[in-house]
């Protein structure tokens, strides 16, 4: 992951030096923003899924304990 961010930073720096690559810099920034949004969303969904799974397993454990 860190390697990907370093590559993106190097890419942005290289495009910033070139005057005829301004459109590419804008596209790279958009891609970086979308990537950051996706990473944030996946992290939040992961937390929610883990919480849901934990809740379900606790409920099933309590049902098994009282039903025995």
PDB file of N, CA and C in Angstrom:
ATOM      1  N   UNK A   1       0.834  -1.190   0.000  1.00  0.00           N
ATOM      2  CA  UNK A   1       0.000   0.000   0.000  1.00  0.00           C
ATOM      3  C   UNK A   1       0.875   1.247   0.000  1.00  0.00           C
ATOM      4  N   UNK A   2       1.904   1.253   0.866  1.00  0.00           N
ATOM      5  CA  UNK A   2       2.809   2.385   0.941  1.00  0.00           C
ATOM      6  C   UNK A   2       3.532   2.579  -0.385  1.00  0.00           C
ATOM      7  N   UNK A   3       3.875   1.487  -1.032  1.00  0.00           N
ATOM      8  CA  UNK A   3       4.560   1.544  -2.319  1.00  0.00           C
ATOM      9  C   UNK A   3       3.664   2.187  -3.375  1.00  0.00           C
ATOM     10  N   UNK A   4       2.380   1.891  -3.320  1.00  0.00           N
ATOM     11  CA  UNK A   4       1.419   2.470  -4.256  1.00  0.00           C
ATOM     12  C   UNK A   4       1.304   3.977  -4.052  1.00  0.00           C
ATOM     13  N   UNK A   5       1.274   4.412  -2.800  1.00  0.00           N
ATOM     14  CA  UNK A   5       1.188   5.839  -2.520  1.00  0.00           C
ATOM     15  C   UNK A   5       2.453   6.556  -2.957  1.00  0.00           C
ATOM     16  N   UNK A   6       3.604   5.923  -2.772  1.00  0.00           N
ATOM     17  CA  UNK A   6       4.865   6.515  -3.199  1.00  0.00           C
ATOM     18  C   UNK A   6       4.892   6.625  -4.726  1.00  0.00           C
ATOM     19  N   UNK A   7       4.421   5.616  -5.415  1.00  0.00           N
ATOM     20  CA  UNK A   7       4.358   5.650  -6.875  1.00  0.00           C
ATOM     21  C   UNK A   7       3.445   6.780  -7.345  1.00  0.00           C
ATOM     22  N   UNK A   8       2.289   6.922  -6.690  1.00  0.00           N
ATOM     23  CA  UNK A   8       1.353   7.984  -7.064  1.00  0.00           C
ATOM     24  C   UNK A   8       1.967   9.359  -6.821  1.00  0.00           C
ATOM     25  N   UNK A   9       2.676   9.511  -5.711  1.00  0.00           N
ATOM     26  CA  UNK A   9       3.322  10.792  -5.417  1.00  0.00           C
ATOM     27  C   UNK A   9       4.395  11.107  -6.453  1.00  0.00           C
ATOM     28  N   UNK A  10       5.194  10.112  -6.820  1.00  0.00           N
ATOM     29  CA  UNK A  10       6.218  10.325  -7.842  1.00  0.00           C
ATOM     30  C   UNK A  10       5.591  10.667  -9.186  1.00  0.00           C
ATOM     31  N   UNK A  11       4.495  10.019  -9.510  1.00  0.00           N
ATOM     32  CA  UNK A  11       3.792  10.292 -10.755  1.00  0.00           C
ATOM     33  C   UNK A  11       3.282  11.726 -10.782  1.00  0.00           C
ATOM     34  N   UNK A  12       2.704  12.168  -9.669  1.00  0.00           N
ATOM     35  CA  UNK A  12       2.188  13.528  -9.596  1.00  0.00           C
ATOM     36  C   UNK A  12       3.317  14.552  -9.707  1.00  0.00           C
ATOM     37  N   UNK A  13       4.430  14.286  -9.058  1.00  0.00           N
ATOM     38  CA  UNK A  13       5.566  15.208  -9.143  1.00  0.00           C
ATOM     39  C   UNK A  13       6.098  15.291 -10.567  1.00  0.00           C
ATOM     40  N   UNK A  14       6.189  14.170 -11.226  1.00  0.00           N
ATOM     41  CA  UNK A  14       6.688  14.157 -12.599  1.00  0.00           C
ATOM     42  C   UNK A  14       5.750  14.923 -13.529  1.00  0.00           C
ATOM     43  N   UNK A  15       4.463  14.741 -13.374  1.00  0.00           N
ATOM     44  CA  UNK A  15       3.512  15.451 -14.213  1.00  0.00           C
ATOM     45  C   UNK A  15       3.476  16.943 -13.884  1.00  0.00           C
ATOM     46  N   UNK A  16       3.719  17.301 -12.617  1.00  0.00           N
ATOM     47  CA  UNK A  16       3.705  18.710 -12.231  1.00  0.00           C
ATOM     48  C   UNK A  16       4.845  19.472 -12.888  1.00  0.00           C
ATOM     49  N   UNK A  17       5.948  18.798 -13.161  1.00  0.00           N
ATOM     50  CA  UNK A  17       7.099  19.447 -13.803  1.00  0.00           C
ATOM     51  C   UNK A  17       6.854  19.717 -15.283  1.00  0.00           C
ATOM     52  N   UNK A  18       6.052  18.905 -15.913  1.00  0.00           N
ATOM     53  CA  UNK A  18       5.775  19.062 -17.338  1.00  0.00           C
ATOM     54  C   UNK A  18       4.603  20.025 -17.525  1.00  0.00           C
ATOM     55  N   UNK A  19       4.783  21.004 -18.369  1.00  0.00           N
ATOM     56  CA  UNK A  19       3.719  21.985 -18.580  1.00  0.00           C
ATOM     57  C   UNK A  19       2.599  21.439 -19.454  1.00  0.00           C
ATOM     58  N   UNK A  20       2.924  20.560 -20.368  1.00  0.00           N
ATOM     59  CA  UNK A  20       1.893  20.037 -21.256  1.00  0.00           C
ATOM     60  C   UNK A  20       1.144  18.850 -20.654  1.00  0.00           C
ATOM     61  N   UNK A  21       1.405  18.520 -19.422  1.00  0.00           N
ATOM     62  CA  UNK A  21       0.729  17.400 -18.780  1.00  0.00           C
ATOM     63  C   UNK A  21      -0.254  17.820 -17.707  1.00  0.00           C
ATOM     64  N   UNK A  22      -0.743  19.057 -17.778  1.00  0.00           N
ATOM     65  CA  UNK A  22      -1.629  19.552 -16.724  1.00  0.00           C
ATOM     66  C   UNK A  22      -2.939  18.768 -16.657  1.00  0.00           C
ATOM     67  N   UNK A  23      -3.472  18.365 -17.786  1.00  0.00           N
ATOM     68  CA  UNK A  23      -4.698  17.565 -17.773  1.00  0.00           C
ATOM     69  C   UNK A  23      -4.469  16.240 -17.068  1.00  0.00           C
ATOM     70  N   UNK A  24      -3.300  15.657 -17.281  1.00  0.00           N
ATOM     71  CA  UNK A  24      -2.985  14.392 -16.632  1.00  0.00           C
ATOM     72  C   UNK A  24      -2.874  14.549 -15.127  1.00  0.00           C
ATOM     73  N   UNK A  25      -2.358  15.682 -14.682  1.00  0.00           N
ATOM     74  CA  UNK A  25      -2.271  15.943 -13.242  1.00  0.00           C
ATOM     75  C   UNK A  25      -3.675  16.013 -12.653  1.00  0.00           C
ATOM     76  N   UNK A  26      -4.564  16.683 -13.342  1.00  0.00           N
ATOM     77  CA  UNK A  26      -5.933  16.780 -12.846  1.00  0.00           C
ATOM     78  C   UNK A  26      -6.585  15.403 -12.777  1.00  0.00           C
ATOM     79  N   UNK A  27      -6.375  14.586 -13.797  1.00  0.00           N
ATOM     80  CA  UNK A  27      -6.934  13.236 -13.785  1.00  0.00           C
ATOM     81  C   UNK A  27      -6.307  12.404 -12.665  1.00  0.00           C
ATOM     82  N   UNK A  28      -5.023  12.571 -12.442  1.00  0.00           N
ATOM     83  CA  UNK A  28      -4.356  11.827 -11.372  1.00  0.00           C
ATOM     84  C   UNK A  28      -4.911  12.228 -10.008  1.00  0.00           C
ATOM     85  N   UNK A  29      -5.164  13.509  -9.819  1.00  0.00           N
ATOM     86  CA  UNK A  29      -5.754  13.962  -8.551  1.00  0.00           C
ATOM     87  C   UNK A  29      -7.156  13.411  -8.359  1.00  0.00           C
ATOM     88  N   UNK A  30      -7.914  13.361  -9.435  1.00  0.00           N
ATOM     89  CA  UNK A  30      -9.261  12.788  -9.347  1.00  0.00           C
ATOM     90  C   UNK A  30      -9.183  11.304  -8.994  1.00  0.00           C
ATOM     91  N   UNK A  31      -8.272  10.591  -9.643  1.00  0.00           N
ATOM     92  CA  UNK A  31      -8.105   9.165  -9.357  1.00  0.00           C
ATOM     93  C   UNK A  31      -7.673   8.962  -7.910  1.00  0.00           C
ATOM     94  N   UNK A  32      -6.767   9.810  -7.428  1.00  0.00           N
ATOM     95  CA  UNK A  32      -6.318   9.697  -6.035  1.00  0.00           C
ATOM     96  C   UNK A  32      -7.467   9.954  -5.064  1.00  0.00           C
ATOM     97  N   UNK A  33      -8.295  10.949  -5.361  1.00  0.00           N
ATOM     98  CA  UNK A  33      -9.434  11.254  -4.488  1.00  0.00           C
ATOM     99  C   UNK A  33     -10.445  10.108  -4.481  1.00  0.00           C
ATOM    100  N   UNK A  34     -10.717   9.548  -5.644  1.00  0.00           N
ATOM    101  CA  UNK A  34     -11.646   8.420  -5.716  1.00  0.00           C
ATOM    102  C   UNK A  34     -11.064   7.211  -4.976  1.00  0.00           C
ATOM    103  N   UNK A  35      -9.776   6.976  -5.142  1.00  0.00           N
ATOM    104  CA  UNK A  35      -9.125   5.868  -4.432  1.00  0.00           C
ATOM    105  C   UNK A  35      -9.201   6.035  -2.930  1.00  0.00           C
ATOM    106  N   UNK A  36      -8.969   7.246  -2.461  1.00  0.00           N
ATOM    107  CA  UNK A  36      -9.052   7.511  -1.019  1.00  0.00           C
ATOM    108  C   UNK A  36     -10.471   7.291  -0.507  1.00  0.00           C
ATOM    109  N   UNK A  37     -11.454   7.718  -1.283  1.00  0.00           N
ATOM    110  CA  UNK A  37     -12.846   7.505  -0.899  1.00  0.00           C
ATOM    111  C   UNK A  37     -13.180   6.015  -0.841  1.00  0.00           C
ATOM    112  N   UNK A  38     -12.680   5.249  -1.806  1.00  0.00           N
ATOM    113  CA  UNK A  38     -12.922   3.806  -1.799  1.00  0.00           C
ATOM    114  C   UNK A  38     -12.263   3.128  -0.608  1.00  0.00           C
ATOM    115  N   UNK A  39     -11.044   3.518  -0.301  1.00  0.00           N
ATOM    116  CA  UNK A  39     -10.346   2.933   0.848  1.00  0.00           C
ATOM    117  C   UNK A  39     -11.103   3.226   2.132  1.00  0.00           C
ATOM    118  N   UNK A  40     -11.553   4.462   2.296  1.00  0.00           N
ATOM    119  CA  UNK A  40     -12.312   4.845   3.493  1.00  0.00           C
ATOM    120  C   UNK A  40     -13.610   4.050   3.589  1.00  0.00           C
ATOM    121  N   UNK A  41     -14.301   3.915   2.475  1.00  0.00           N
ATOM    122  CA  UNK A  41     -15.572   3.182   2.462  1.00  0.00           C
ATOM    123  C   UNK A  41     -15.359   1.717   2.798  1.00  0.00           C
ATOM    124  N   UNK A  42     -14.341   1.102   2.230  1.00  0.00           N
ATOM    125  CA  UNK A  42     -14.064  -0.308   2.503  1.00  0.00           C
ATOM    126  C   UNK A  42     -13.709  -0.507   3.970  1.00  0.00           C
ATOM    127  N   UNK A  43     -12.929   0.400   4.542  1.00  0.00           N
ATOM    128  CA  UNK A  43     -12.583   0.280   5.958  1.00  0.00           C
ATOM    129  C   UNK A  43     -13.821   0.377   6.840  1.00  0.00           C
ATOM    130  N   UNK A  44     -14.708   1.298   6.513  1.00  0.00           N
ATOM    131  CA  UNK A  44     -15.931   1.442   7.305  1.00  0.00           C
ATOM    132  C   UNK A  44     -16.837   0.221   7.141  1.00  0.00           C
ATOM    133  N   UNK A  45     -16.944  -0.292   5.932  1.00  0.00           N
ATOM    134  CA  UNK A  45     -17.760  -1.482   5.714  1.00  0.00           C
ATOM    135  C   UNK A  45     -17.171  -2.697   6.427  1.00  0.00           C
ATOM    136  N   UNK A  46     -15.857  -2.799   6.433  1.00  0.00           N
ATOM    137  CA  UNK A  46     -15.205  -3.913   7.127  1.00  0.00           C
ATOM    138  C   UNK A  46     -15.548  -3.886   8.601  1.00  0.00           C
ATOM    139  N   UNK A  47     -15.477  -2.716   9.204  1.00  0.00           N
ATOM    140  CA  UNK A  47     -15.818  -2.582  10.619  1.00  0.00           C
ATOM    141  C   UNK A  47     -17.274  -2.959  10.868  1.00  0.00           C
ATOM    142  N   UNK A  48     -18.165  -2.517   9.992  1.00  0.00           N
ATOM    143  CA  UNK A  48     -19.586  -2.831  10.158  1.00  0.00           C
ATOM    144  C   UNK A  48     -19.846  -4.318  10.004  1.00  0.00           C
ATOM    145  N   UNK A  49     -19.201  -4.969   9.043  1.00  0.00           N
ATOM    146  CA  UNK A  49     -19.409  -6.400   8.826  1.00  0.00           C
ATOM    147  C   UNK A  49     -18.861  -7.202  10.004  1.00  0.00           C
ATOM    148  N   UNK A  50     -17.708  -6.829  10.517  1.00  0.00           N
ATOM    149  CA  UNK A  50     -17.135  -7.526  11.671  1.00  0.00           C
ATOM    150  C   UNK A  50     -18.057  -7.374  12.885  1.00  0.00           C
ATOM    151  N   UNK A  51     -18.596  -6.190  13.074  1.00  0.00           N
ATOM    152  CA  UNK A  51     -19.523  -5.958  14.188  1.00  0.00           C
ATOM    153  C   UNK A  51     -20.791  -6.793  14.029  1.00  0.00           C
ATOM    154  N   UNK A  52     -21.329  -6.861  12.828  1.00  0.00           N
ATOM    155  CA  UNK A  52     -22.528  -7.663  12.565  1.00  0.00           C
ATOM    156  C   UNK A  52     -22.250  -9.139  12.806  1.00  0.00           C
ATOM    157  N   UNK A  53     -21.121  -9.617  12.298  1.00  0.00           N
ATOM    158  CA  UNK A  53     -20.746 -11.021  12.490  1.00  0.00           C
ATOM    159  C   UNK A  53     -20.600 -11.341  13.972  1.00  0.00           C
ATOM    160  N   UNK A  54     -19.957 -10.455  14.713  1.00  0.00           N
ATOM    161  CA  UNK A  54     -19.772 -10.663  16.154  1.00  0.00           C
ATOM    162  C   UNK A  54     -21.117 -10.716  16.868  1.00  0.00           C
ATOM    163  N   UNK A  55     -22.017  -9.833  16.477  1.00  0.00           N
ATOM    164  CA  UNK A  55     -23.351  -9.806  17.088  1.00  0.00           C
ATOM    165  C   UNK A  55     -24.109 -11.104  16.799  1.00  0.00           C
ATOM    166  N   UNK A  56     -24.028 -11.589  15.593  1.00  0.00           N
ATOM    167  CA  UNK A  56     -24.714 -12.823  15.213  1.00  0.00           C
ATOM    168  C   UNK A  56     -24.133 -14.011  15.975  1.00  0.00           C
ATOM    169  N   UNK A  57     -22.815 -14.100  16.057  1.00  0.00           N
ATOM    170  CA  UNK A  57     -22.208 -15.240  16.758  1.00  0.00           C
ATOM    171  C   UNK A  57     -22.520 -15.201  18.247  1.00  0.00           C
ATOM    172  N   UNK A  58     -22.566 -14.006  18.834  1.00  0.00           N
ATOM    173  CA  UNK A  58     -22.935 -13.907  20.252  1.00  0.00           C
ATOM    174  C   UNK A  58     -24.379 -14.331  20.465  1.00  0.00           C
ATOM    175  N   UNK A  59     -25.260 -13.934  19.533  1.00  0.00           N
ATOM    176  CA  UNK A  59     -26.664 -14.335  19.639  1.00  0.00           C
ATOM    177  C   UNK A  59     -26.830 -15.839  19.511  1.00  0.00           C
ATOM    178  N   UNK A  60     -26.099 -16.432  18.575  1.00  0.00           N
ATOM    179  CA  UNK A  60     -26.190 -17.877  18.411  1.00  0.00           C
ATOM    180  C   UNK A  60     -25.603 -18.627  19.611  1.00  0.00           C
ATOM    181  N   UNK A  61     -24.547 -18.063  20.178  1.00  0.00           N
ATOM    182  CA  UNK A  61     -23.948 -18.682  21.369  1.00  0.00           C
ATOM    183  C   UNK A  61     -24.931 -18.651  22.535  1.00  0.00           C
ATOM    184  N   UNK A  62     -25.611 -17.517  22.705  1.00  0.00           N
ATOM    185  CA  UNK A  62     -26.551 -17.404  23.829  1.00  0.00           C
ATOM    186  C   UNK A  62     -27.753 -18.326  23.617  1.00  0.00           C
ATOM    187  N   UNK A  63     -28.178 -18.504  22.375  1.00  0.00           N
ATOM    188  CA  UNK A  63     -29.282 -19.424  22.097  1.00  0.00           C
ATOM    189  C   UNK A  63     -28.845 -20.855  22.401  1.00  0.00           C
ATOM    190  N   UNK A  64     -27.629 -21.194  22.003  1.00  0.00           N
ATOM    191  CA  UNK A  64     -27.118 -22.534  22.269  1.00  0.00           C
ATOM    192  C   UNK A  64     -26.943 -22.801  23.758  1.00  0.00           C
ATOM    193  N   UNK A  65     -26.565 -21.777  24.511  1.00  0.00           N
ATOM    194  CA  UNK A  65     -26.350 -21.954  25.949  1.00  0.00           C
ATOM    195  C   UNK A  65     -27.663 -22.140  26.682  1.00  0.00           C
ATOM    196  N   UNK A  66     -28.710 -21.433  26.294  1.00  0.00           N
ATOM    197  CA  UNK A  66     -29.989 -21.542  26.980  1.00  0.00           C
ATOM    198  C   UNK A  66     -30.805 -22.736  26.479  1.00  0.00           C
ATOM    199  N   UNK A  67     -30.543 -23.184  25.265  1.00  0.00           N
ATOM    200  CA  UNK A  67     -31.309 -24.310  24.707  1.00  0.00           C
ATOM    201  C   UNK A  67     -30.799 -25.656  25.143  1.00  0.00           C
ATOM    202  N   UNK A  68     -29.623 -25.713  25.741  1.00  0.00           N
ATOM    203  CA  UNK A  68     -29.038 -27.008  26.088  1.00  0.00           C
ATOM    204  C   UNK A  68     -29.546 -27.538  27.327  1.00  0.00           C
TER     205      UNK A  68
END
